[in-house]
N, C-alpha and C. Protein backbone atom coordinates (compact mmCIF):
# COMPACT_ATOMS: atom_id res chain seq x y z
N MET A 1 -21.64 6.78 -4.71
CA MET A 1 -20.80 5.43 -4.56
C MET A 1 -19.36 5.33 -5.50
N LYS A 2 -19.91 6.37 -6.61
CA LYS A 2 -18.63 6.79 -7.80
C LYS A 2 -17.38 7.67 -6.94
N GLU A 3 -17.74 8.40 -5.72
CA GLU A 3 -17.10 9.08 -4.84
C GLU A 3 -15.86 8.37 -3.85
N GLN A 4 -16.60 6.98 -3.44
CA GLN A 4 -16.15 6.61 -2.57
C GLN A 4 -14.95 5.63 -3.32
N ILE A 5 -15.48 5.18 -4.39
CA ILE A 5 -14.15 4.62 -5.30
C ILE A 5 -13.08 5.31 -5.80
N PHE A 6 -13.40 6.68 -5.87
CA PHE A 6 -12.26 7.62 -6.21
C PHE A 6 -11.48 7.28 -4.91
N GLN A 7 -11.86 7.60 -3.64
CA GLN A 7 -11.32 7.95 -2.71
C GLN A 7 -10.66 6.50 -2.08
N HIS A 8 -10.90 5.75 -2.64
CA HIS A 8 -10.13 4.34 -2.33
C HIS A 8 -8.74 3.91 -3.30
N ILE A 9 -8.89 4.77 -4.62
CA ILE A 9 -7.92 4.80 -5.72
C ILE A 9 -7.38 5.51 -5.21
N VAL A 10 -7.56 7.26 -4.36
CA VAL A 10 -6.36 7.65 -4.08
C VAL A 10 -5.58 7.31 -3.27
N LEU A 11 -6.09 6.54 -2.08
CA LEU A 11 -5.69 6.45 -1.15
C LEU A 11 -4.62 5.43 -1.02
N ILE A 12 -4.92 3.98 -2.42
CA ILE A 12 -4.42 3.14 -2.45
C ILE A 12 -2.78 3.88 -3.22
N TYR A 13 -3.05 4.88 -4.33
CA TYR A 13 -2.34 5.38 -4.91
C TYR A 13 -1.24 5.91 -4.04
N LEU A 14 -1.54 6.92 -2.63
CA LEU A 14 -0.96 7.42 -2.08
C LEU A 14 -0.12 6.39 -1.29
N ALA A 15 -0.55 5.40 -0.61
CA ALA A 15 0.05 4.49 -0.26
C ALA A 15 1.38 3.38 -0.88
N VAL A 16 1.03 2.63 -1.51
CA VAL A 16 2.12 2.62 -2.99
C VAL A 16 2.60 3.61 -3.09
N ILE A 17 3.12 5.11 -3.49
CA ILE A 17 3.42 5.98 -4.03
C ILE A 17 4.83 6.22 -2.88
N ASN A 18 4.00 6.13 -1.45
CA ASN A 18 4.88 6.72 -0.50
C ASN A 18 5.98 5.42 -0.09
N VAL A 19 5.23 4.43 -0.13
CA VAL A 19 6.14 3.28 0.23
C VAL A 19 7.23 3.07 -1.14
N VAL A 20 6.83 3.29 -2.03
CA VAL A 20 8.13 3.06 -3.22
C VAL A 20 9.28 4.43 -2.98
N THR A 21 8.46 5.52 -2.55
CA THR A 21 9.54 6.69 -2.79
C THR A 21 10.94 6.72 -1.14
N PHE A 22 9.95 6.16 -0.04
CA PHE A 22 10.54 5.41 1.00
C PHE A 22 11.55 4.52 1.02
N PHE A 23 11.42 3.22 0.22
CA PHE A 23 12.56 2.71 -0.47
C PHE A 23 13.42 3.49 -1.47
N MET A 24 12.85 3.95 -1.87
CA MET A 24 13.92 4.63 -3.10
C MET A 24 15.00 5.63 -2.45
N TYR A 25 14.57 6.55 -1.26
CA TYR A 25 15.47 7.19 -0.02
C TYR A 25 16.37 6.07 0.38
N GLY A 26 16.15 4.91 0.72
CA GLY A 26 17.06 4.35 1.08
C GLY A 26 18.00 3.09 0.69
N ILE A 27 17.46 3.04 -0.92
CA ILE A 27 18.42 2.20 -1.84
C ILE A 27 19.57 3.54 -2.19
N ASP A 28 19.15 4.94 -2.36
CA ASP A 28 20.04 6.04 -2.85
C ASP A 28 20.97 6.24 -1.39
N LYS A 29 20.48 5.97 -0.08
CA LYS A 29 21.41 6.14 0.77
C LYS A 29 22.61 4.86 0.80
N TRP A 30 22.16 4.08 0.24
CA TRP A 30 22.80 2.18 0.61
C TRP A 30 23.89 2.80 -0.97
N LYS A 31 23.35 3.48 -1.74
CA LYS A 31 24.39 3.70 -2.96
C LYS A 31 25.10 4.61 -3.09
N ALA A 32 24.99 5.48 -1.75
CA ALA A 32 25.83 6.61 -1.59
C ALA A 32 27.10 6.23 -0.51
N LYS A 33 26.74 5.12 0.39
CA LYS A 33 27.79 4.68 0.80
C LYS A 33 28.84 3.74 0.46
N LYS A 34 28.11 3.12 -0.56
CA LYS A 34 29.02 2.16 -1.71
C LYS A 34 29.42 2.42 -2.93
N SER A 35 29.46 4.16 -3.12
CA SER A 35 30.17 4.87 -4.31
C SER A 35 29.46 4.20 -5.09
N LYS A 36 27.79 3.93 -5.02
CA LYS A 36 27.64 3.35 -6.60
C LYS A 36 26.71 4.64 -7.31
N TRP A 37 25.96 4.56 -8.19
CA TRP A 37 25.36 5.43 -9.18
C TRP A 37 24.43 5.70 -9.05
N ARG A 38 24.30 6.65 -8.09
CA ARG A 38 23.16 7.28 -7.57
C ARG A 38 21.55 7.69 -7.96
N ILE A 39 20.63 7.70 -7.28
CA ILE A 39 19.37 8.19 -8.34
C ILE A 39 19.65 9.77 -7.95
N ARG A 40 19.21 10.39 -8.85
CA ARG A 40 18.93 12.06 -9.12
C ARG A 40 18.39 12.29 -7.97
N GLU A 41 18.40 13.73 -7.22
CA GLU A 41 17.72 14.24 -6.45
C GLU A 41 16.62 14.93 -6.99
N THR A 42 16.38 15.34 -8.48
CA THR A 42 15.23 15.41 -8.84
C THR A 42 14.22 14.40 -8.86
N ALA A 43 14.73 12.81 -9.41
CA ALA A 43 13.79 11.88 -9.06
C ALA A 43 13.43 11.64 -7.92
N LEU A 44 14.15 12.00 -6.87
CA LEU A 44 13.57 11.90 -5.15
C LEU A 44 12.64 12.93 -4.95
N LEU A 45 12.78 14.24 -5.13
CA LEU A 45 11.93 15.15 -5.03
C LEU A 45 10.64 15.06 -6.16
N GLY A 46 10.71 14.73 -7.18
CA GLY A 46 10.04 14.34 -8.12
C GLY A 46 8.77 13.37 -7.35
N LEU A 47 9.00 12.05 -6.76
CA LEU A 47 8.68 11.22 -6.01
C LEU A 47 7.56 11.44 -5.34
N ALA A 48 8.15 12.51 -4.44
CA ALA A 48 7.66 13.41 -3.08
C ALA A 48 6.28 14.04 -3.83
N VAL A 49 6.49 15.05 -4.92
CA VAL A 49 5.90 15.89 -5.60
C VAL A 49 4.63 15.43 -6.20
N LEU A 50 4.60 13.57 -6.27
CA LEU A 50 3.77 12.61 -7.21
C LEU A 50 3.08 12.24 -5.97
N GLY A 51 3.40 12.48 -4.93
CA GLY A 51 2.59 11.89 -3.87
C GLY A 51 2.87 11.52 -2.86
N GLY A 52 4.63 11.13 -2.87
CA GLY A 52 5.57 9.81 -1.74
C GLY A 52 6.02 11.10 -1.17
N SER A 53 5.40 12.29 -0.25
CA SER A 53 6.39 13.12 0.21
C SER A 53 6.27 12.59 1.75
N ILE A 54 5.06 11.84 2.05
CA ILE A 54 5.08 11.34 3.26
C ILE A 54 6.32 10.29 3.62
N GLY A 55 6.33 9.38 2.40
CA GLY A 55 7.43 8.53 2.24
C GLY A 55 9.04 9.25 1.92
N ALA A 56 9.09 10.34 1.51
CA ALA A 56 10.23 11.02 1.39
C ALA A 56 10.81 11.50 2.97
N TRP A 57 10.05 12.00 3.57
CA TRP A 57 10.16 12.23 4.80
C TRP A 57 10.65 11.21 5.89
N LEU A 58 9.94 10.24 5.61
CA LEU A 58 9.90 9.20 6.53
C LEU A 58 11.38 8.30 5.99
N GLY A 59 11.45 8.21 4.98
CA GLY A 59 13.02 8.07 4.37
C GLY A 59 13.84 8.99 4.78
N MET A 60 14.32 10.13 4.74
CA MET A 60 14.97 11.03 5.46
C MET A 60 15.00 10.87 6.48
N LYS A 61 14.35 10.62 7.68
CA LYS A 61 14.16 10.13 8.88
C LYS A 61 15.17 8.95 9.06
N VAL A 62 14.60 7.95 8.83
CA VAL A 62 14.66 6.58 8.86
C VAL A 62 16.27 5.95 8.31
N TRP A 63 16.43 6.57 6.83
CA TRP A 63 17.53 6.34 6.48
C TRP A 63 19.05 7.58 6.80
N HIS A 64 18.57 8.74 7.41
CA HIS A 64 19.29 9.83 7.66
C HIS A 64 20.03 10.06 6.51
N HIS A 65 19.29 10.26 5.23
CA HIS A 65 19.71 10.92 4.17
C HIS A 65 18.90 12.17 3.64
N LYS A 66 19.67 12.99 3.17
CA LYS A 66 19.24 14.19 2.45
C LYS A 66 18.99 15.18 3.31
N THR A 67 19.26 14.57 5.05
CA THR A 67 18.61 15.86 5.78
C THR A 67 19.28 17.36 5.95
N LEU A 68 20.49 17.36 5.35
CA LEU A 68 21.40 18.37 5.15
C LEU A 68 20.96 19.51 4.07
N HIS A 69 20.49 18.77 3.22
CA HIS A 69 20.48 19.39 2.33
C HIS A 69 18.73 20.42 2.12
N LYS A 70 19.22 21.55 1.82
CA LYS A 70 18.28 22.70 2.44
C LYS A 70 16.95 22.37 1.34
N LYS A 71 17.01 22.01 0.22
CA LYS A 71 15.80 21.75 -0.61
C LYS A 71 14.75 20.68 -0.21
N PHE A 72 15.59 19.61 0.50
CA PHE A 72 15.06 18.51 1.11
C PHE A 72 14.68 18.55 2.07
N ARG A 73 15.57 19.30 3.03
CA ARG A 73 14.71 19.77 4.75
C ARG A 73 14.03 20.79 4.81
N TYR A 74 13.96 21.82 3.71
CA TYR A 74 12.38 22.50 3.45
C TYR A 74 11.48 22.06 2.56
N GLY A 75 12.15 21.66 1.51
CA GLY A 75 11.15 21.38 0.38
C GLY A 75 10.09 20.18 0.93
N VAL A 76 10.49 19.39 1.27
CA VAL A 76 9.77 17.78 1.32
C VAL A 76 8.46 18.14 2.56
N PRO A 77 8.90 19.16 3.57
CA PRO A 77 7.80 19.06 4.61
C PRO A 77 6.65 20.12 3.72
N ALA A 78 7.02 21.22 3.26
CA ALA A 78 6.25 21.97 2.43
C ALA A 78 5.49 21.25 1.34
N ILE A 79 5.99 19.99 0.70
CA ILE A 79 5.42 19.40 -0.14
C ILE A 79 4.15 18.48 0.30
N ILE A 80 4.72 18.21 1.94
CA ILE A 80 3.65 17.35 2.68
C ILE A 80 2.43 18.18 3.15
N ILE A 81 2.52 19.85 3.03
CA ILE A 81 1.86 20.70 4.03
C ILE A 81 0.89 20.67 2.66
N ILE A 82 1.10 20.93 1.43
CA ILE A 82 0.38 21.57 0.55
C ILE A 82 -0.28 20.19 0.00
N GLN A 83 0.27 19.37 -0.27
CA GLN A 83 -0.64 17.52 -0.37
C GLN A 83 -1.83 17.04 0.52
N LEU A 84 -1.53 17.18 1.66
CA LEU A 84 -2.64 17.42 2.85
C LEU A 84 -4.02 18.09 2.76
N THR A 85 -3.16 19.32 2.12
CA THR A 85 -4.58 20.05 1.81
C THR A 85 -4.81 20.01 0.71
N LEU A 86 -4.49 19.25 -0.35
CA LEU A 86 -5.52 19.16 -1.68
C LEU A 86 -5.94 17.42 -1.22
N ILE A 87 -5.65 16.87 -0.15
CA ILE A 87 -6.38 15.63 -0.22
C ILE A 87 -7.70 16.16 0.71
N PHE A 88 -7.27 17.19 1.62
CA PHE A 88 -8.81 17.08 2.66
C PHE A 88 -9.40 17.72 1.82
N CYS A 89 -9.15 18.90 1.01
CA CYS A 89 -9.90 19.29 0.03
C CYS A 89 -10.84 18.76 -1.15
N LEU A 90 -10.21 17.14 -1.56
CA LEU A 90 -10.30 16.49 -2.69
C LEU A 90 -11.86 15.57 -1.56
N LEU A 91 -11.05 15.21 -0.53
CA LEU A 91 -12.12 14.06 0.18
C LEU A 91 -13.02 14.89 0.67
N TYR A 92 -13.14 16.01 1.44
CA TYR A 92 -13.85 16.72 2.30
C TYR A 92 -14.78 18.08 1.53
N GLU A 93 -15.01 18.02 0.20
CA GLU A 93 -15.25 18.94 -0.37
C GLU A 93 -16.50 19.37 -0.33
N HIS A 94 -17.64 18.43 0.59
CA HIS A 94 -19.00 18.98 0.81
C HIS A 94 -18.98 20.33 1.65
């Protein structure tokens, strides 16, 4: 029972952080077009590390943002692989 609650909390957290990350990439792209104050690259990558890697990847694809930066182009997919491995291990550790 406690394990199921933990799994649900993790899934809800991941859903929220990925939606937030996706929109942060969109906001930063909008700010770039308008020459406004930008969101730091460390913050965008930090959101990916905190669980928003899929949202970061989708944000890169949908908003066409940060796709030419090597640390994003290679870093975000690497983070996704690491996080999916960790999630699999946590959810299916039997």
